[in-house]
Protein backbone atom coordinates (compact mmCIF):
# COMPACT_ATOMS: atom_id res chain seq x y z
CA MET A 1 71.89 20.30 -62.27
CA SER A 2 73.18 23.38 -60.69
CA ALA A 3 75.03 24.16 -63.81
CA ILE A 4 71.41 24.15 -66.08
CA PHE A 5 70.61 27.23 -63.19
CA GLU A 6 73.34 28.89 -63.44
CA GLN A 7 73.14 28.50 -66.78
CA TYR A 8 69.53 30.45 -67.06
CA LYS A 9 70.65 32.78 -64.37
CA GLU A 10 72.76 34.13 -66.70
CA ARG A 11 69.60 34.75 -69.06
CA GLY A 12 68.07 36.50 -66.74
CA LEU A 13 65.72 33.44 -65.40
CA SER A 14 66.31 32.62 -61.61
CA SER A 15 63.70 31.61 -58.24
CA PRO A 16 65.54 30.68 -54.58
CA TYR A 17 62.05 28.23 -54.06
CA ALA A 18 63.12 25.85 -58.02
CA VAL A 19 64.24 22.38 -57.30
CA ASP A 20 64.00 21.78 -60.70
CA PHE A 21 62.61 22.69 -64.84
CA MET A 22 59.54 21.50 -66.73
CA ALA A 23 60.68 19.09 -69.15
CA TYR A 24 61.40 20.45 -72.48
CA ASP A 25 63.33 20.50 -75.94
CA GLU A 26 65.11 23.17 -77.27
CA ILE A 27 64.41 23.01 -81.10
CA ASN A 28 66.21 26.23 -83.24
CA GLY A 29 66.94 27.96 -80.53
CA SER A 30 63.18 28.06 -79.20
CA ILE A 31 62.16 25.78 -76.16
CA ARG A 32 59.44 23.64 -76.14
CA VAL A 33 57.57 22.31 -72.76
CA ASP A 34 56.89 18.30 -72.98
CA TYR A 35 53.97 17.94 -71.23
CA ALA A 36 54.17 14.52 -71.21
CA LYS A 37 56.94 14.03 -69.70
CA THR A 38 56.31 16.86 -66.77
CA GLU A 39 53.22 14.76 -66.02
CA GLN A 40 55.43 11.50 -66.03
CA MET A 41 57.79 13.59 -63.35
CA LEU A 42 55.28 14.79 -61.54
CA ALA A 43 53.22 11.20 -60.87
CA GLN A 44 56.56 9.79 -59.93
CA ASP A 45 57.73 12.68 -57.52
CA ALA A 46 54.11 12.29 -55.47
CA ALA A 47 54.44 8.60 -55.18
CA LEU A 48 54.59 7.72 -51.47
CA THR A 49 56.63 4.23 -50.51
CA SER A 50 54.75 4.53 -46.95
CA THR A 51 51.44 3.63 -45.95
CA PRO A 52 49.32 6.96 -46.24
CA ASN A 53 48.92 8.77 -42.77
CA VAL A 54 48.16 12.48 -41.22
CA GLY A 55 47.73 11.24 -37.69
CA VAL A 56 49.88 10.48 -34.67
CA PRO A 57 49.60 7.57 -32.69
CA SER A 58 46.53 6.89 -30.41
CA ALA A 59 48.17 6.81 -27.43
CA LEU A 60 49.75 10.01 -27.66
CA VAL A 61 46.02 11.86 -27.63
CA THR A 62 44.91 9.72 -25.07
CA LEU A 63 43.39 11.24 -21.55
CA ILE A 64 43.38 9.18 -18.56
CA ASP A 65 40.58 9.81 -16.48
CA PRO A 66 42.10 10.33 -13.26
CA SER A 67 39.04 9.16 -11.18
CA VAL A 68 38.12 5.29 -10.41
CA THR A 69 34.38 4.57 -10.78
CA GLU A 70 33.48 1.66 -9.05
CA ILE A 71 30.47 -0.85 -10.10
CA LEU A 72 27.78 -0.90 -8.11
CA PHE A 73 26.56 -3.72 -5.60
CA SER A 74 22.90 -4.13 -4.16
CA ALA A 75 22.54 -2.16 -1.07
CA MET A 76 24.02 -4.02 2.38
CA ASN A 77 21.21 -2.63 4.80
CA ALA A 78 20.20 -5.72 6.96
CA LYS A 79 22.49 -2.96 9.94
CA LYS A 80 19.83 -0.39 9.37
CA LEU A 81 17.29 -2.72 10.62
CA VAL A 82 19.26 -4.29 13.63
CA PRO A 83 22.47 -3.21 15.10
CA GLU A 84 25.91 -4.37 14.33
CA VAL A 85 27.93 -6.32 17.54
CA LYS A 86 31.18 -8.43 18.01
CA LYS A 87 30.64 -11.55 19.95
CA GLY A 88 34.20 -13.57 20.97
CA SER A 89 36.46 -14.14 18.35
CA TRP A 90 37.48 -16.71 15.65
CA VAL A 91 38.59 -19.26 18.22
CA ASP A 92 34.77 -19.30 19.88
CA LYS A 93 32.12 -22.13 17.98
CA TYR A 94 29.47 -21.43 20.01
CA THR A 95 27.64 -18.32 21.96
CA ARG A 96 24.81 -18.75 23.65
CA PHE A 97 22.05 -16.30 24.96
CA THR A 98 19.67 -16.46 27.86
CA ILE A 99 16.08 -16.25 28.35
CA THR A 100 14.09 -15.56 31.53
CA GLU A 101 10.01 -16.09 31.32
CA TYR A 102 8.24 -15.79 34.85
CA THR A 103 5.75 -18.25 35.98
CA GLY A 104 2.94 -18.52 38.87
CA SER A 105 -0.63 -17.68 40.07
CA VAL A 106 -2.35 -15.71 42.99
CA THR A 107 -4.86 -17.33 45.57
CA PRO A 108 -6.95 -15.47 48.18
CA TYR A 109 -5.11 -15.18 51.42
CA SER A 110 -5.10 -17.79 53.94
CA ASP A 111 -3.35 -17.77 57.14
CA HIS A 112 -2.32 -21.73 56.38
CA GLY A 113 -2.82 -21.17 52.64
CA GLU A 114 0.98 -21.86 50.45
CA ASN A 115 -0.68 -23.78 47.07
CA VAL A 116 0.22 -21.07 44.22
CA SER A 117 3.81 -20.14 43.82
CA SER A 118 5.93 -17.87 41.63
CA ASP A 119 9.17 -19.27 39.60
CA LEU A 120 11.32 -18.61 36.64
CA ASN A 121 12.00 -20.29 33.64
CA PHE A 122 15.00 -20.26 31.57
CA GLU A 123 16.52 -20.95 28.37
CA SER A 124 20.04 -20.64 26.68
CA PRO A 125 19.61 -20.91 22.69
CA GLN A 126 22.88 -21.32 21.10
CA ARG A 127 23.92 -20.49 18.33
CA GLU A 128 27.64 -21.64 16.27
CA ASN A 129 30.17 -19.51 14.39
CA PHE A 130 30.50 -19.98 10.77
CA LEU A 131 34.33 -18.56 9.40
CA PHE A 132 34.16 -17.74 5.97
CA GLN A 133 37.72 -16.15 3.18
CA THR A 134 38.40 -15.01 0.46
CA VAL A 135 42.18 -15.08 -1.21
CA ILE A 136 43.75 -11.88 -3.20
CA ARG A 137 47.15 -12.18 -5.68
CA TYR A 138 49.10 -10.41 -7.26
CA GLY A 139 52.14 -10.42 -9.29
CA ASP A 140 55.04 -8.06 -9.81
CA LEU A 141 54.54 -7.75 -13.94
CA GLU A 142 50.37 -7.41 -13.07
CA GLU A 143 51.41 -4.17 -10.31
CA ALA A 144 53.76 -3.01 -12.53
CA THR A 145 51.29 -2.79 -15.19
CA VAL A 146 48.70 -1.40 -13.40
CA ALA A 147 50.52 1.31 -11.55
CA ARG A 148 50.82 2.74 -15.25
CA GLN A 149 46.92 3.50 -14.87
CA ARG A 150 47.55 5.06 -11.39
CA LEU A 151 46.15 2.51 -9.48
CA SER A 152 47.68 0.42 -6.67
CA LEU A 153 46.43 -3.41 -7.39
CA ALA A 154 47.07 -4.44 -3.74
CA SER A 155 45.32 -1.47 -2.38
CA GLU A 156 42.23 -2.00 -4.56
CA LYS A 157 42.40 -5.92 -4.28
CA GLN A 158 42.17 -5.44 -0.47
CA LYS A 159 39.08 -3.03 -0.76
CA ALA A 160 37.49 -6.04 -2.91
CA ALA A 161 38.40 -8.20 -0.31
CA ALA A 162 36.79 -5.83 1.86
CA THR A 163 33.39 -5.43 0.05
CA ILE A 164 33.38 -9.28 -0.40
CA LEU A 165 33.16 -10.41 3.25
CA ALA A 166 30.81 -7.17 3.80
CA LYS A 167 28.38 -9.06 1.63
CA ALA A 168 28.88 -12.01 2.86
CA HIS A 169 28.06 -10.98 6.37
CA ASN A 170 24.61 -8.91 5.06
CA LYS A 171 23.55 -12.19 3.54
CA PHE A 172 24.33 -14.22 6.48
CA TYR A 173 22.61 -11.68 8.51
CA LEU A 174 19.82 -12.01 6.41
CA TYR A 175 19.71 -15.84 5.72
CA GLY A 176 22.12 -17.40 8.00
CA VAL A 177 24.15 -20.28 7.34
CA GLN A 178 22.63 -23.83 5.60
CA GLY A 179 23.11 -26.83 8.44
CA LYS A 180 24.40 -24.90 11.45
CA GLN A 181 22.84 -23.62 13.76
CA ILE A 182 22.66 -19.96 12.45
CA TYR A 183 19.95 -18.12 11.56
CA GLY A 184 19.25 -15.07 9.63
CA LEU A 185 16.44 -11.80 10.41
CA LEU A 186 14.24 -13.37 7.43
CA ASN A 187 14.45 -17.07 7.73
CA ASP A 188 14.60 -17.55 12.01
CA PRO A 189 12.62 -20.71 12.98
CA ASN A 190 11.35 -18.69 15.43
CA LEU A 191 9.87 -15.88 14.10
CA PRO A 192 5.30 -15.77 13.14
CA SER A 193 3.78 -16.58 10.76
CA THR A 194 3.67 -14.43 7.46
CA GLN A 195 0.88 -11.99 7.44
CA SER A 196 -1.16 -11.23 3.81
CA PRO A 197 -2.10 -7.93 2.45
CA ASN A 198 -5.58 -6.73 2.57
CA SER A 199 -7.28 -7.75 -0.22
CA ILE A 200 -9.75 -5.62 -2.31
CA THR A 201 -12.32 -5.94 -4.93
CA ILE A 202 -13.47 -4.14 -7.69
CA GLY A 203 -15.62 -4.53 -10.40
CA GLY A 204 -16.09 -7.96 -9.05
CA SER A 205 -12.35 -9.06 -9.57
CA SER A 206 -10.21 -9.13 -6.29
CA TYR A 207 -6.38 -7.41 -5.54
CA SER A 208 -3.77 -7.80 -2.97
CA THR A 209 -1.03 -6.58 -4.35
CA TRP A 210 -0.07 -3.03 -4.45
CA ALA A 211 0.92 -3.01 -8.08
CA ASP A 212 -2.45 -4.61 -8.71
CA LYS A 213 -4.30 -2.26 -6.05
CA ALA A 214 -2.32 1.35 -7.63
CA ALA A 215 -3.63 0.35 -11.28
CA ASN A 216 -6.94 -0.37 -10.59
CA ASP A 217 -7.80 2.08 -7.67
CA ALA A 218 -5.52 5.06 -8.23
CA GLN A 219 -7.29 7.79 -5.82
CA ASN A 220 -6.53 5.33 -3.17
CA ALA A 221 -3.65 3.88 -4.08
CA ALA A 222 -2.11 5.83 -0.93
CA ASN A 223 -5.07 4.24 1.69
CA HIS A 224 -4.63 0.39 0.74
CA VAL A 225 -0.64 0.96 0.98
CA TYR A 226 -0.96 2.82 4.72
CA ASN A 227 -4.03 0.21 5.54
CA ASP A 228 -1.21 -2.90 4.61
CA VAL A 229 0.93 -1.53 6.76
CA LEU A 230 -0.99 -0.19 9.87
CA LYS A 231 -2.13 -4.02 9.86
CA LEU A 232 0.88 -4.81 10.18
CA ILE A 233 1.34 -2.55 13.25
CA ASN A 234 -1.56 -3.69 14.86
CA ALA A 235 -0.59 -7.34 14.48
CA LEU A 236 2.45 -6.55 16.71
CA CYS A 237 0.58 -4.00 18.89
CA THR A 238 -1.67 -7.21 19.76
CA ASP A 239 1.17 -10.08 19.95
CA ASN A 240 3.03 -7.68 22.42
CA GLY A 241 0.28 -7.17 25.57
CA GLY A 242 0.01 -3.06 25.37
CA HIS A 243 3.87 -3.02 25.45
CA VAL A 244 3.82 -1.28 21.93
CA ASP A 245 2.19 1.44 20.85
CA ALA A 246 2.02 4.29 18.77
CA ASN A 247 5.08 6.10 20.02
CA THR A 248 7.37 2.87 19.84
CA LYS A 249 10.09 3.14 18.21
CA MET A 250 9.72 0.98 14.90
CA VAL A 251 11.67 0.52 11.55
CA LEU A 252 9.63 -0.90 8.35
CA ALA A 253 11.50 -2.28 5.63
CA VAL A 254 9.96 -2.53 2.25
CA SER A 255 11.63 -3.84 -1.04
CA ASN A 256 12.99 -1.22 -3.46
CA ALA A 257 10.97 -2.30 -5.87
CA ARG A 258 7.40 -1.13 -4.11
CA ALA A 259 9.03 1.88 -2.50
CA SER A 260 7.83 4.22 -4.53
CA TYR A 261 4.24 3.27 -3.92
CA LEU A 262 5.07 4.56 -0.28
CA ASN A 263 4.74 7.65 -1.85
CA ALA A 264 1.80 7.29 -4.18
CA LEU A 265 -0.96 10.46 -2.97
CA ASN A 266 -4.61 9.68 -2.27
CA ALA A 267 -7.76 12.07 -3.22
CA PHE A 268 -6.49 14.47 -0.74
CA GLY A 269 -2.68 14.95 -1.41
CA LEU A 270 -1.52 12.89 1.08
CA SER A 271 0.84 9.58 0.98
CA ALA A 272 1.26 6.24 3.13
CA THR A 273 4.43 7.63 3.82
CA LYS A 274 3.13 11.42 5.13
CA MET A 275 -0.01 9.63 7.53
CA LEU A 276 2.26 6.75 8.54
CA LYS A 277 5.00 9.49 9.77
CA ASP A 278 2.18 11.43 11.16
CA ASN A 279 0.46 8.91 13.02
CA TYR A 280 3.53 6.93 14.23
CA PRO A 281 6.33 9.51 14.77
CA ASN A 282 8.82 7.26 15.89
CA LEU A 283 8.33 5.28 12.76
CA LYS A 284 12.01 4.36 10.35
CA ILE A 285 11.16 3.40 6.81
CA ILE A 286 14.63 1.83 5.01
CA GLN A 287 14.42 0.16 1.74
CA LEU A 288 16.04 -3.26 1.64
CA SER A 289 15.83 -5.26 -2.02
CA GLU A 290 16.36 -8.74 -0.06
CA LEU A 291 12.60 -8.71 0.50
CA SER A 292 12.20 -9.32 -3.14
CA THR A 293 11.67 -13.03 -2.73
CA ALA A 294 10.31 -15.83 -4.75
CA SER A 295 7.13 -15.69 -2.49
CA GLY A 296 6.28 -12.31 -3.57
CA GLU A 297 7.43 -8.60 -2.18
CA MET A 298 7.40 -8.28 1.65
CA LEU A 299 7.21 -5.80 4.28
CA TYR A 300 9.41 -6.63 7.15
CA LEU A 301 8.30 -4.53 10.55
CA ILE A 302 10.15 -4.69 14.05
CA ALA A 303 10.23 -3.11 17.06
CA PRO A 304 14.25 -2.88 17.45
CA GLU A 305 14.78 -2.33 21.36
CA LEU A 306 12.42 -2.96 24.24
CA PHE A 307 12.24 -1.75 27.61
CA ALA A 308 16.37 -0.97 27.27
CA SER A 309 16.65 -4.64 25.33
CA LYS A 310 17.85 -5.45 22.10
CA THR A 311 15.24 -7.18 19.74
CA ALA A 312 17.71 -9.08 17.76
CA GLU A 313 21.52 -8.30 16.91
CA LEU A 314 23.62 -9.38 14.10
CA ALA A 315 26.24 -10.69 15.28
CA TYR A 316 30.30 -10.99 14.05
CA SER A 317 33.25 -12.90 15.70
CA GLU A 318 35.84 -11.69 12.76
CA LYS A 319 34.73 -8.74 10.23
CA MET A 320 37.40 -8.92 8.41
CA ARG A 321 40.89 -10.60 9.54
CA MET A 322 43.76 -10.08 7.26
CA GLY A 323 46.04 -12.60 6.91
CA ARG A 324 49.96 -12.25 6.55
CA VAL A 325 50.88 -11.34 3.28
CA VAL A 326 52.95 -14.59 1.52
CA PRO A 327 55.88 -13.72 -0.81
CA GLU A 328 56.12 -16.13 -3.79
CA MET A 329 59.30 -16.01 -6.68
CA SER A 330 57.68 -13.07 -8.63
CA SER A 331 53.91 -12.50 -7.17
CA PHE A 332 52.05 -12.47 -3.53
CA LYS A 333 48.63 -13.64 -1.67
CA GLN A 334 46.66 -12.89 1.16
CA LYS A 335 44.06 -14.36 2.77
CA ALA A 336 40.88 -12.18 4.18
CA VAL A 337 38.38 -14.16 7.00
CA GLY A 338 35.25 -12.93 8.43
CA GLY A 339 33.21 -14.90 11.43
CA THR A 340 29.56 -14.78 11.57
CA TRP A 341 26.68 -15.94 14.34
CA GLY A 342 24.02 -14.97 11.69
CA ALA A 343 21.19 -12.78 13.40
CA ILE A 344 20.40 -13.81 16.69
CA ILE A 345 16.65 -13.08 17.35
CA LYS A 346 15.88 -12.72 21.38
CA ARG A 347 12.15 -11.78 21.12
CA PRO A 348 10.64 -12.63 18.03
CA SER A 349 6.89 -11.13 18.66
CA LEU A 350 8.56 -7.89 18.03
CA ILE A 351 9.03 -8.24 14.76
CA LYS A 352 5.86 -8.77 12.13
CA THR A 353 6.22 -9.76 8.29
CA MET A 354 4.21 -9.28 5.17
CA THR A 355 4.25 -11.35 1.75
CA GLY A 356 2.88 -10.78 -0.76
CA ILE A 357 2.38 -6.58 -1.70
């Protein structure tokens, strides 16, 4: 090939970038280009023996975002209703709390009269301690693989255990533990009977739920919601001998499915929330998703404290007790333990509920 280039260089033809000549025939001292053969030469040069590709491996152009987004669970708001306290430890099997009630009467004075007296009745209800657990496991290869994604596997699994235990505590605070002397804020057998919302009649039809009231009498929706809450507050005041009034600290819980109706406006531009805050300045409103029940949407009203005595307590024996890390051949495991007494309600009369809103 170089000889041909040299030959034609002597004839004054050269190019530093040429790699070959087009096919040709030399006839009688003249050069005739063979275009058919040249096309075959070019086609052979263009043919690929590898898979056509103009890209790079996707891993080389993939950015891993260092932030981690956690999937949301339903809010754990039982502690917003009632304070949480630690009682005992996981060793204790039972707990008791004492309630007292004064009895007696008076009679007109007499030097020798002694036919009436004053006395004391006391009772010590019992609650059980329920222990529950979850286990985390992680292997050496698993941990090393996840580390490529900049995650600490052991730490994240411990966080998972903490979250699962917290959700369990919240559940037991609300519903107790079936088959044991452990009750919740929603099912304690000593709670007063639930109230029913006010019923309104429009066009010959009766409506009691907030959704129906708002749909059929929108301009008065706020008034209807306010009146239902007012009915619950009135019941709380009536059943506690005048110890509860408009200035008493109260907490009103509403399901997240009905919370928006508290902000519906009436014809005067006022919401139920606004009217409640104006008339009951120490009323706090929270959302509790567990108030959406099979029996209907609920309201839950509680005076959390009266005369420095708590109405109820959310009691636990162990919030999160981590066991030893147990090494195996190429992995580790660890147990996390929680303990609960449920919700200990000491003054059930200071709690009122309404179902069917």
